[in-house]
Protein backbone atom coordinates (compact mmCIF):
# COMPACT_ATOMS: atom_id res chain seq x y z
CA MET A 1 194.00 -74.52 113.90
CA PRO A 2 194.06 -75.48 117.70
CA ALA A 3 197.58 -76.52 117.57
CA ALA A 4 198.79 -73.23 116.69
CA ALA A 5 196.73 -71.56 119.30
CA GLU A 6 198.38 -73.86 121.90
CA VAL A 7 201.67 -73.11 120.68
CA VAL A 8 201.44 -69.29 120.79
CA VAL A 9 199.70 -68.94 124.22
CA PRO A 10 202.62 -69.81 126.45
CA ALA A 11 204.75 -67.02 124.52
CA ALA A 12 201.86 -64.54 124.74
CA ARG A 13 201.28 -64.98 128.43
CA GLU A 14 205.05 -64.93 129.32
CA ALA A 15 205.11 -61.36 127.28
CA ALA A 16 202.14 -60.09 129.14
CA GLU A 17 203.55 -60.96 132.58
CA SER A 18 207.11 -59.09 131.40
CA GLU A 19 205.28 -56.02 131.00
CA ALA A 20 204.26 -55.70 134.79
CA GLN A 21 207.63 -54.68 136.52
CA PRO A 22 207.75 -55.46 140.24
CA GLY A 23 207.84 -52.36 142.59
CA LEU A 24 205.39 -50.20 140.37
CA ASP A 25 203.11 -48.09 142.13
CA SER A 26 199.60 -49.55 142.67
CA SER A 27 197.82 -46.45 142.17
CA ASP A 28 195.24 -45.61 139.51
CA GLY A 29 196.73 -43.99 136.41
CA PRO A 30 197.65 -44.24 132.93
CA GLY A 31 199.74 -47.66 132.65
CA ALA A 32 199.16 -48.57 136.16
CA VAL A 33 199.20 -52.25 136.80
CA HIS A 34 196.54 -53.85 139.07
CA SER A 35 197.40 -57.52 140.05
CA GLY A 36 199.73 -58.17 137.22
CA VAL A 37 196.91 -57.01 134.49
CA PRO A 38 197.84 -54.19 132.17
CA GLY A 39 195.91 -51.09 131.91
CA PRO A 40 195.22 -49.53 128.66
CA GLY A 41 197.85 -51.86 126.81
CA PRO A 42 196.70 -54.83 124.83
CA GLY A 43 195.58 -57.75 127.30
CA VAL A 44 196.21 -61.41 126.82
CA ALA A 45 192.98 -62.32 125.00
CA GLU A 46 194.02 -59.67 122.32
CA ILE A 47 197.37 -61.18 121.93
CA VAL A 48 196.20 -64.31 121.49
CA ALA A 49 193.71 -63.41 119.14
CA ARG A 50 196.01 -61.89 116.89
CA ALA A 51 198.60 -64.98 117.01
CA VAL A 52 195.76 -67.24 116.05
CA ALA A 53 194.62 -64.97 113.11
CA ARG A 54 198.19 -64.71 112.26
CA ALA A 55 198.51 -68.67 112.10
CA MET A 56 195.50 -69.07 110.23
CA ASP A 57 196.54 -66.67 107.32
CA GLU A 58 199.81 -68.55 106.94
CA ASP A 59 200.29 -71.87 104.76
CA ASP A 60 199.33 -75.09 106.52
CA THR A 61 202.19 -76.82 104.88
CA GLN A 62 204.86 -75.19 107.14
CA ASP A 63 206.45 -76.62 110.20
CA LEU A 64 204.67 -76.06 113.51
CA PRO A 65 207.29 -74.10 115.29
CA ASN A 66 207.20 -71.45 112.58
CA VAL A 67 203.38 -70.89 112.55
CA ALA A 68 203.51 -67.87 114.34
CA ALA A 69 206.25 -65.50 114.16
CA PRO A 70 207.71 -64.37 117.64
CA ARG A 71 206.93 -60.83 118.74
CA ARG A 72 209.59 -58.51 119.94
CA GLY A 73 210.41 -59.15 123.40
CA THR A 74 208.76 -62.64 123.64
CA ALA A 75 210.02 -65.91 124.25
CA VAL A 76 209.38 -68.86 121.95
CA THR A 77 209.32 -72.35 123.10
CA GLU A 78 209.74 -75.01 120.23
CA VAL A 79 207.26 -77.96 120.82
CA PRO A 80 208.34 -81.24 119.22
CA LEU A 81 206.32 -81.96 116.31
CA HIS A 82 205.04 -85.51 117.63
CA LEU A 83 203.31 -83.91 120.64
CA PRO A 84 200.37 -82.33 118.79
CA PHE A 85 199.81 -85.74 117.13
CA ARG A 86 200.50 -88.12 120.10
CA ALA A 87 196.80 -88.74 120.53
CA ALA A 88 196.66 -89.67 117.03
CA SER A 89 200.10 -91.66 116.99
CA THR A 90 198.50 -93.99 119.93
CA VAL A 91 195.65 -95.17 117.96
CA PRO A 92 196.81 -98.65 116.45
CA LEU A 93 196.78 -98.62 112.69
CA PRO A 94 195.27 -101.29 110.71
CA GLU A 95 197.27 -104.12 109.70
CA ARG A 96 198.21 -103.77 106.06
CA ALA A 97 198.07 -106.74 103.70
CA PRO A 98 201.45 -108.16 102.67
CA ALA A 99 202.44 -106.86 99.57
CA ALA A 100 202.45 -109.43 96.66
CA ALA A 101 205.76 -110.84 95.41
CA PRO A 102 206.81 -109.29 92.07
CA ARG A 103 206.38 -111.76 89.22
CA PRO A 104 209.63 -112.70 87.44
CA ALA A 105 209.87 -110.98 84.13
CA ARG A 106 209.80 -113.39 81.41
CA PRO A 107 212.72 -113.37 78.97
CA ALA A 108 211.94 -111.82 75.68
CA PRO A 109 211.11 -114.38 72.82
CA GLY A 110 214.05 -114.75 70.25
CA ARG A 111 215.73 -117.00 68.05
CA ARG A 112 217.79 -119.84 70.24
CA VAL A 113 220.97 -121.69 68.99
CA PRO A 114 220.09 -125.50 68.85
CA ARG A 115 221.71 -127.63 71.39
CA GLY A 116 222.63 -131.30 71.03
CA ASP A 117 221.59 -134.13 73.36
CA ASP A 118 224.28 -134.57 75.87
CA ARG A 119 223.65 -138.24 76.35
CA LEU A 120 224.52 -138.72 72.50
CA ARG A 121 228.15 -138.30 72.39
CA GLU A 122 230.46 -140.43 70.08
CA HIS A 123 232.49 -142.93 72.11
CA ARG A 124 234.37 -146.04 71.07
CA GLY A 125 232.49 -149.01 69.78
CA PRO A 126 233.33 -152.82 70.39
CA VAL A 127 235.53 -153.97 67.78
CA LEU A 128 238.41 -156.39 67.64
CA PRO A 129 241.29 -156.73 65.06
CA GLY A 130 240.47 -158.86 62.08
CA TRP A 131 243.03 -161.34 62.64
CA VAL A 132 241.03 -162.67 65.79
CA GLY A 133 237.91 -163.39 63.67
CA VAL A 134 239.94 -165.26 61.22
CA ALA A 135 241.55 -167.42 63.61
CA VAL A 136 238.43 -168.24 65.57
CA GLY A 137 236.38 -169.05 62.09
CA GLY A 138 239.15 -170.99 60.80
CA LEU A 139 239.41 -173.25 64.11
CA ALA A 140 235.67 -173.47 64.08
CA LEU A 141 235.64 -174.61 60.40
CA ALA A 142 238.51 -177.08 61.12
CA GLY A 143 236.54 -178.61 63.99
CA CYS A 144 233.38 -178.87 61.50
CA THR A 145 235.85 -180.68 59.29
CA ALA A 146 237.02 -183.09 62.31
CA VAL A 147 233.55 -184.11 62.89
CA LEU A 148 232.57 -184.89 59.41
CA TRP A 149 235.83 -186.84 58.90
CA ARG A 150 234.81 -189.01 61.91
CA ALA A 151 231.44 -189.55 60.51
CA GLY A 152 233.10 -190.77 57.18
CA ILE A 153 231.35 -188.20 55.16
CA LEU A 154 234.52 -186.47 53.70
CA PRO A 155 235.73 -187.93 50.40
CA ALA A 156 238.82 -190.00 50.33
CA PRO A 157 240.88 -187.51 47.76
CA LEU A 158 240.20 -184.88 50.14
CA VAL A 159 241.35 -186.76 53.26
CA ALA A 160 244.31 -188.03 51.43
CA VAL A 161 245.31 -184.05 50.88
CA PHE A 162 245.54 -183.56 54.75
CA GLY A 163 247.53 -186.88 55.28
CA ALA A 164 244.93 -188.63 57.02
CA ALA A 165 243.36 -192.07 56.65
CA PRO A 166 240.04 -192.32 55.23
CA ARG A 167 237.22 -193.46 57.18
CA ALA A 168 234.16 -195.68 56.36
CA TYR A 169 230.88 -193.85 55.77
CA GLN A 170 228.80 -194.41 59.24
CA GLY A 171 226.39 -191.66 58.67
CA LEU A 172 225.67 -188.44 60.89
CA ARG A 173 224.40 -189.79 64.41
CA ALA A 174 222.76 -187.90 67.37
CA ALA A 175 226.26 -187.38 68.77
CA HIS A 176 227.60 -185.51 65.67
CA TRP A 177 224.78 -182.71 65.54
CA PRO A 178 225.65 -180.66 68.81
CA PRO A 179 229.30 -180.05 67.74
CA LEU A 180 228.51 -179.45 64.33
CA ALA A 181 225.69 -176.87 65.14
CA PHE A 182 227.95 -174.97 67.68
CA LEU A 183 231.11 -174.93 65.52
CA GLY A 184 229.04 -174.02 62.47
CA ILE A 185 227.54 -171.13 64.51
CA VAL A 186 231.09 -170.03 65.71
CA ALA A 187 232.18 -169.99 62.36
CA LEU A 188 229.52 -167.99 61.20
CA VAL A 189 229.69 -165.13 63.61
CA ALA A 190 233.78 -165.11 63.31
CA LEU A 191 233.74 -164.80 59.58
CA GLY A 192 230.52 -162.82 59.26
CA GLY A 193 231.65 -160.09 61.56
CA LEU A 194 234.92 -159.53 59.39
CA GLY A 195 234.90 -155.93 57.72
CA ARG A 196 237.27 -153.57 55.88
CA ALA A 197 237.32 -150.22 57.14
CA ARG A 198 238.60 -147.47 55.17
CA THR A 199 240.87 -144.42 55.93
CA GLY A 200 238.58 -141.50 56.19
CA HIS A 201 235.33 -143.30 57.18
CA ALA A 202 233.84 -144.49 60.46
CA TRP A 203 231.25 -147.08 61.52
CA VAL A 204 228.33 -145.94 63.58
CA LEU A 205 227.21 -149.07 65.54
CA THR A 206 223.77 -149.53 66.73
CA LEU A 207 221.89 -152.23 68.32
CA PHE A 208 218.05 -152.50 67.91
CA GLY A 209 218.16 -148.59 67.59
CA ARG A 210 220.43 -147.98 70.54
CA TYR A 211 223.74 -146.28 69.90
CA ARG A 212 226.64 -148.62 70.89
CA GLY A 213 229.65 -146.88 69.61
CA THR A 214 231.87 -145.74 66.72
CA VAL A 215 234.55 -147.58 64.71
CA ARG A 216 237.23 -145.44 63.44
CA ARG A 217 240.05 -148.18 63.04
CA THR A 218 241.28 -148.90 59.16
CA GLY A 219 241.98 -152.24 57.70
CA LEU A 220 240.44 -155.79 58.48
CA THR A 221 238.40 -155.50 61.99
CA TRP A 222 235.79 -157.78 63.19
CA VAL A 223 232.58 -156.17 64.60
CA SER A 224 229.74 -158.28 65.93
CA PRO A 225 227.26 -159.36 62.91
CA LEU A 226 224.36 -158.42 65.26
CA LEU A 227 225.35 -154.70 65.01
CA LEU A 228 224.01 -152.34 62.27
CA ARG A 229 226.90 -150.59 60.69
CA ARG A 230 226.30 -147.05 59.12
CA ARG A 231 229.39 -145.68 57.33
CA VAL A 232 230.07 -142.13 57.98
CA ASP A 233 232.37 -139.89 55.80
CA VAL A 234 234.69 -138.27 58.44
CA ARG A 235 237.26 -136.38 55.96
CA LEU A 236 237.59 -132.76 55.62
CA ARG A 237 235.03 -131.84 52.91
CA HIS A 238 234.18 -128.69 51.29
CA TRP A 239 230.56 -127.96 49.81
CA ARG A 240 230.06 -125.13 46.95
CA SER A 241 226.56 -123.78 46.88
CA ASP A 242 224.60 -122.78 43.90
CA PRO A 243 223.77 -119.06 43.46
CA MET A 244 221.26 -118.32 46.38
CA PRO A 245 219.00 -115.53 46.61
CA ALA A 246 219.46 -112.77 49.58
CA VAL A 247 219.09 -109.07 50.29
CA ASP A 248 221.21 -106.47 51.59
CA SER A 249 220.56 -104.03 54.32
CA GLY A 250 219.03 -101.73 51.75
CA GLY A 251 216.70 -104.36 50.48
CA LEU A 252 218.36 -105.09 47.33
CA ALA A 253 218.22 -108.30 45.73
CA LEU A 254 221.52 -110.17 45.69
CA GLN A 255 222.90 -113.58 44.14
CA VAL A 256 225.40 -115.36 46.35
CA VAL A 257 227.68 -118.15 46.12
CA VAL A 258 229.07 -119.57 49.16
CA GLN A 259 231.84 -122.11 49.98
CA VAL A 260 232.21 -124.05 53.05
CA VAL A 261 234.74 -126.31 54.41
CA TRP A 262 233.54 -128.82 57.06
CA GLN A 263 234.04 -131.96 58.77
CA VAL A 264 232.08 -134.33 60.85
CA LYS A 265 233.37 -134.19 64.36
CA ASP A 266 230.94 -136.20 66.35
CA THR A 267 229.69 -139.22 64.22
CA ALA A 268 226.90 -139.90 66.56
CA ARG A 269 225.23 -136.74 66.44
CA ALA A 270 225.84 -136.37 62.61
CA THR A 271 224.02 -139.80 62.17
CA LEU A 272 221.30 -140.29 64.63
CA ALA A 273 220.63 -136.40 65.82
CA VAL A 274 219.49 -135.36 62.34
CA ALA A 275 217.88 -137.05 59.26
CA ASP A 276 220.61 -136.08 56.94
CA HIS A 277 223.26 -133.79 58.26
CA THR A 278 224.61 -132.53 54.72
CA GLU A 279 221.20 -131.41 53.81
CA TYR A 280 220.82 -129.96 57.41
CA LEU A 281 224.15 -128.08 56.65
CA ALA A 282 222.95 -126.71 53.36
CA GLU A 283 220.00 -125.39 54.74
CA GLN A 284 221.72 -123.75 57.72
CA VAL A 285 224.25 -122.19 55.31
CA GLU A 286 221.42 -120.46 53.52
CA SER A 287 219.77 -119.33 56.76
CA ALA A 288 222.93 -118.04 58.23
CA MET A 289 223.91 -116.20 54.78
CA ALA A 290 220.36 -114.23 54.80
CA ARG A 291 221.05 -113.08 58.46
CA VAL A 292 224.71 -111.95 57.65
CA LEU A 293 224.14 -110.21 54.50
CA SER A 294 221.04 -108.40 55.63
CA GLN A 295 223.28 -106.36 58.07
CA LEU A 296 225.38 -104.50 55.65
CA PRO A 297 224.72 -102.49 52.43
CA ALA A 298 226.35 -104.27 49.16
CA ASP A 299 227.95 -101.01 48.08
CA ALA A 300 228.38 -97.55 49.71
CA PHE A 301 228.79 -95.29 46.69
CA HIS A 302 229.24 -91.75 48.37
CA GLU A 303 230.73 -92.66 51.77
CA ASP A 304 233.56 -94.66 53.42
CA ALA A 305 231.66 -97.47 55.24
CA PRO A 306 231.57 -101.11 55.83
CA THR A 307 229.95 -103.07 52.91
CA LEU A 308 229.70 -106.53 51.81
CA ARG A 309 232.59 -106.13 49.55
CA ASP A 310 234.86 -106.85 52.63
CA ALA A 311 234.98 -110.56 51.96
CA GLU A 312 237.13 -111.23 55.04
CA ALA A 313 234.74 -109.70 57.68
CA VAL A 314 231.66 -111.14 55.86
CA GLY A 315 233.41 -114.87 56.00
CA ASP A 316 234.32 -114.40 59.64
CA ALA A 317 230.79 -113.59 60.63
CA LEU A 318 229.22 -116.16 58.50
CA THR A 319 231.56 -118.87 59.88
CA ARG A 320 230.84 -118.19 63.55
CA MET A 321 227.11 -118.08 63.07
CA LEU A 322 227.23 -121.40 60.90
CA ALA A 323 229.63 -122.92 63.60
CA ALA A 324 227.11 -122.27 66.46
CA GLU A 325 224.28 -123.64 64.50
CA THR A 326 225.62 -126.95 63.47
CA GLU A 327 227.42 -127.75 66.49
CA ALA A 328 224.41 -129.57 67.59
CA VAL A 329 224.52 -132.04 65.07
CA GLY A 330 228.37 -132.97 65.31
CA ILE A 331 229.53 -130.92 62.24
CA GLU A 332 232.62 -128.84 62.84
CA VAL A 333 232.78 -125.89 60.31
CA PHE A 334 236.36 -124.33 59.53
CA SER A 335 235.38 -121.70 56.71
CA ALA A 336 232.39 -120.25 55.19
CA GLN A 337 233.26 -117.81 52.70
CA PRO A 338 231.23 -116.00 49.99
CA THR A 339 233.01 -116.61 46.64
CA ARG A 340 230.56 -114.36 44.76
CA ILE A 341 228.33 -111.63 45.78
CA GLU A 342 226.50 -109.69 43.08
CA TYR A 343 223.12 -107.84 42.28
CA ALA A 344 220.30 -110.12 40.93
CA ALA A 345 219.50 -109.61 37.29
CA GLU A 346 216.65 -107.19 37.63
CA VAL A 347 218.66 -104.37 39.58
CA ALA A 348 222.11 -105.31 37.95
CA GLU A 349 222.15 -102.72 35.33
CA ALA A 350 220.87 -99.82 37.40
CA MET A 351 223.45 -100.68 40.28
CA ARG A 352 226.09 -100.77 37.57
CA ARG A 353 225.22 -97.48 36.44
CA ARG A 354 225.16 -95.88 39.82
CA ARG A 355 228.42 -97.57 40.54
CA VAL A 356 229.84 -95.86 37.39
CA ALA A 357 228.60 -92.58 38.52
CA ALA A 358 229.97 -92.86 41.95
CA ILE A 359 233.57 -93.88 40.74
CA ASP A 360 233.34 -90.70 37.93
CA ALA A 361 232.23 -88.36 40.76
CA LYS A 362 235.11 -89.52 42.94
CA HIS A 363 237.49 -89.29 40.20
CA ARG A 364 236.52 -85.68 39.35
CA ASP A 365 236.69 -84.66 43.05
CA ALA A 366 240.30 -86.11 43.18
CA VAL A 367 241.14 -83.99 39.95
CA LEU A 368 239.53 -80.97 41.30
CA THR A 369 241.39 -81.23 44.52
CA SER A 370 244.77 -81.58 42.88
CA VAL A 371 244.04 -78.54 40.42
CA VAL A 372 243.07 -76.37 43.33
CA ASP A 373 246.41 -77.68 45.01
CA ALA A 374 248.33 -76.66 42.01
CA VAL A 375 246.87 -73.52 41.15
CA ASP A 376 247.47 -72.08 44.93
CA ASP A 377 251.04 -73.48 44.84
CA THR A 378 251.66 -71.79 41.44
CA VAL A 379 250.18 -68.40 42.73
CA HIS A 380 251.95 -68.42 45.91
CA ARG A 381 255.26 -68.95 44.47
CA LEU A 382 254.73 -66.23 42.04
CA THR A 383 253.84 -63.58 44.56
CA SER A 384 256.23 -64.67 47.48
CA ARG A 385 259.10 -64.45 45.05
CA GLY A 386 258.05 -61.16 43.92
CA LEU A 387 257.97 -62.14 40.36
CA VAL A 388 254.70 -60.16 40.03
CA GLU A 389 252.46 -57.77 41.87
CA LEU A 390 248.81 -58.69 41.44
CA ASP A 391 245.85 -56.87 42.69
CA ASP A 392 242.56 -58.59 43.63
CA TYR A 393 241.20 -58.55 40.04
CA GLU A 394 244.30 -59.76 38.52
CA ARG A 395 244.77 -62.60 40.99
CA LYS A 396 241.24 -63.71 40.43
CA ALA A 397 241.92 -63.66 36.65
CA LEU A 398 245.24 -65.59 37.05
CA VAL A 399 243.47 -68.20 39.21
CA LYS A 400 240.80 -68.70 36.76
CA ASP A 401 243.17 -69.31 33.83
CA LEU A 402 245.44 -71.59 35.56
CA THR A 403 242.37 -73.70 36.96
CA VAL A 404 241.06 -74.02 33.25
CA ALA A 405 244.51 -74.85 31.94
CA PHE A 406 245.36 -77.30 34.71
CA TYR A 407 241.81 -79.07 34.92
CA THR A 408 241.80 -79.38 31.08
CA GLY A 409 245.12 -80.97 31.05
CA ARG A 410 244.39 -83.44 33.89
CA THR A 411 241.20 -84.48 32.12
CA ASP A 412 242.77 -85.27 28.67
């Protein structure tokens, strides 16, 4: 404890000097002071020794200015805390290694909603009105007929029908083949691209596996015969499932029938983003139904709590979940409603008995509540109007008789 000693020494020296008053006699005697040093009183060394011992007895965790309590009649000088450690503070500390940057927390793994390919979106495909193909094809056939007529190949009766003069057969020369080939190809392309588009259906066009567009026009249309056409039903459709197995929040086996109203919104994704969009929808219905139904019990027999009997709430939750799952394949779900939720055959009988018991208990509780209210009202009226005066024993007997009478009459 050297620091504590250094702190206390100035205060002790000042106290010793204050004991020697100026103007005292320098003669030898009790209490006489010679050269500023007291006689029989405690000396400076003794005061310092006491202060050091007192400082060593105190806790080292206290502040330095409070190590030694000031003596009476002494002055205390506060020493800044950093002064005793100035020598240590001047020593350069070793450079610390930079702290490693915290690693980013990895997201917890979980189920992710599928996302569709942003590059695969429905857009209008190359299509022309059907009359354009008919007109071009007719002109090409007329040109072929004219070339054959000039070559003399057409029979005379057919030429006479059109009012032209028959020509002698001269055979097909080399000059006739190029126009015949060109006009034949034009007629083949013009007439081969004609198609009948029906209402409620669309054509998805692809060229060598690449999506080229969707045709939603109806009637006679012309589409390039080089494009592969896939017909897609875009009408509003509904699908009713077979009884599917599921479990509620309590693990009880259920049989559920779900009806889904849906429509193809994006024909490109419905055709190219999945192998079969109708089968995909059926699988997602079963998956979403299992997740929704496992969150609530099928019945709450003795408490008022949400159950699967609330078809509106269950249908809303199922619709939202199914719409999010099928958006990636271009399907828009309008409604997914469970039309039947019942227990499986192995637990149906036990649940039926439990439901009957719960209904009977609730009925008995309602009857008993009404009987008690009636008895209380009857006894209160009799006593408040002064019709009868009853002591405790008579009151209990009257309540018992009225309860039995009212309860028997209600249960009958």
